[in-house]
Amino acid sequence: MRLYTNSISKKAKLVEAEYWNGENWVWNLQWRREWFEWEKDTVANLIRKVEGTIILRDRKDEEIWNGDKIKV
């Protein structure tokens, strides 16, 4: 929740939070203030997750659920 509250771009689309720099995908996450020391692990975890995401330039976005299946 802290990441969200500190975000400048709460309603931004993914395309507004990154850009292509030649052949490299660059995340451009923007915050309204610097992180306190005790918050930096949370930010580092987010950065690791997004940097581990594979972005394909010529492919349409799609949602994929990788969670557990819920039986109803």
Protein backbone atom coordinates (compact mmCIF):
# COMPACT_ATOMS: atom_id res chain seq x y z
CA MET A 1 0.00 0.00 0.00
CA ARG A 2 2.86 2.40 0.78
CA LEU A 3 4.15 2.12 -2.80
CA TYR A 4 0.76 3.17 -4.12
CA THR A 5 0.34 6.11 -1.76
CA ASN A 6 3.78 7.45 -2.68
CA SER A 7 3.21 7.09 -6.42
CA ILE A 8 2.87 10.22 -8.53
CA SER A 9 1.03 8.26 -11.22
CA LYS A 10 -1.78 6.41 -9.43
CA LYS A 11 -3.95 6.28 -12.54
CA ALA A 12 -1.17 5.80 -15.07
CA LYS A 13 -1.20 2.99 -17.59
CA LEU A 14 1.76 0.68 -17.89
CA VAL A 15 2.80 2.37 -21.13
CA GLU A 16 3.17 5.62 -19.16
CA ALA A 17 5.53 4.04 -16.59
CA GLU A 18 8.21 2.86 -19.01
CA TYR A 19 9.77 3.46 -22.39
CA TRP A 20 12.02 1.88 -24.97
CA ASN A 21 15.56 3.18 -25.13
CA GLY A 22 16.78 1.61 -28.34
CA GLU A 23 16.38 -2.12 -27.71
CA ASN A 24 16.23 -1.73 -23.92
CA TRP A 25 13.07 -1.48 -21.84
CA VAL A 26 13.43 1.19 -19.12
CA TRP A 27 11.07 1.51 -16.16
CA ASN A 28 10.26 5.10 -15.21
CA LEU A 29 8.56 4.80 -11.82
CA GLN A 30 8.05 8.17 -10.20
CA TRP A 31 7.50 8.93 -6.53
CA ARG A 32 6.29 12.06 -4.78
CA ARG A 33 9.00 11.82 -2.12
CA GLU A 34 12.24 9.98 -1.33
CA TRP A 35 11.92 6.64 0.45
CA PHE A 36 12.64 6.32 4.16
CA GLU A 37 15.34 3.81 5.03
CA TRP A 38 12.79 1.34 6.43
CA GLU A 39 10.78 1.43 3.17
CA LYS A 40 13.65 0.70 0.80
CA ASP A 41 13.32 -3.12 0.98
CA THR A 42 9.72 -2.88 -0.24
CA VAL A 43 10.77 -0.67 -3.16
CA ALA A 44 13.67 -3.01 -4.00
CA ASN A 45 11.25 -5.97 -4.08
CA LEU A 46 8.99 -4.13 -6.53
CA ILE A 47 11.93 -3.21 -8.77
CA ARG A 48 13.10 -6.85 -8.82
CA LYS A 49 9.61 -7.99 -9.83
CA VAL A 50 9.12 -5.47 -12.64
CA GLU A 51 12.65 -5.85 -13.96
CA GLY A 52 12.07 -9.59 -14.15
CA THR A 53 9.08 -9.04 -16.44
CA ILE A 54 9.67 -9.92 -20.07
CA ILE A 55 8.48 -7.14 -22.36
CA LEU A 56 8.01 -7.88 -26.04
CA ARG A 57 7.98 -4.88 -28.32
CA ASP A 58 5.72 -6.16 -31.11
CA ARG A 59 3.15 -7.98 -29.02
CA LYS A 60 -0.21 -6.88 -27.64
CA ASP A 61 -0.57 -6.75 -23.84
CA GLU A 62 -2.51 -9.54 -22.21
CA GLU A 63 -3.39 -10.60 -18.69
CA ILE A 64 -2.19 -13.95 -17.42
CA TRP A 65 -3.22 -15.42 -14.06
CA ASN A 66 -0.41 -17.39 -12.42
CA GLY A 67 -2.13 -17.85 -9.08
CA ASP A 68 -3.88 -20.88 -7.64
CA LYS A 69 -7.13 -22.06 -9.17
CA ILE A 70 -10.07 -21.54 -6.86
CA LYS A 71 -12.72 -24.26 -6.75
CA VAL A 72 -16.25 -22.94 -6.36
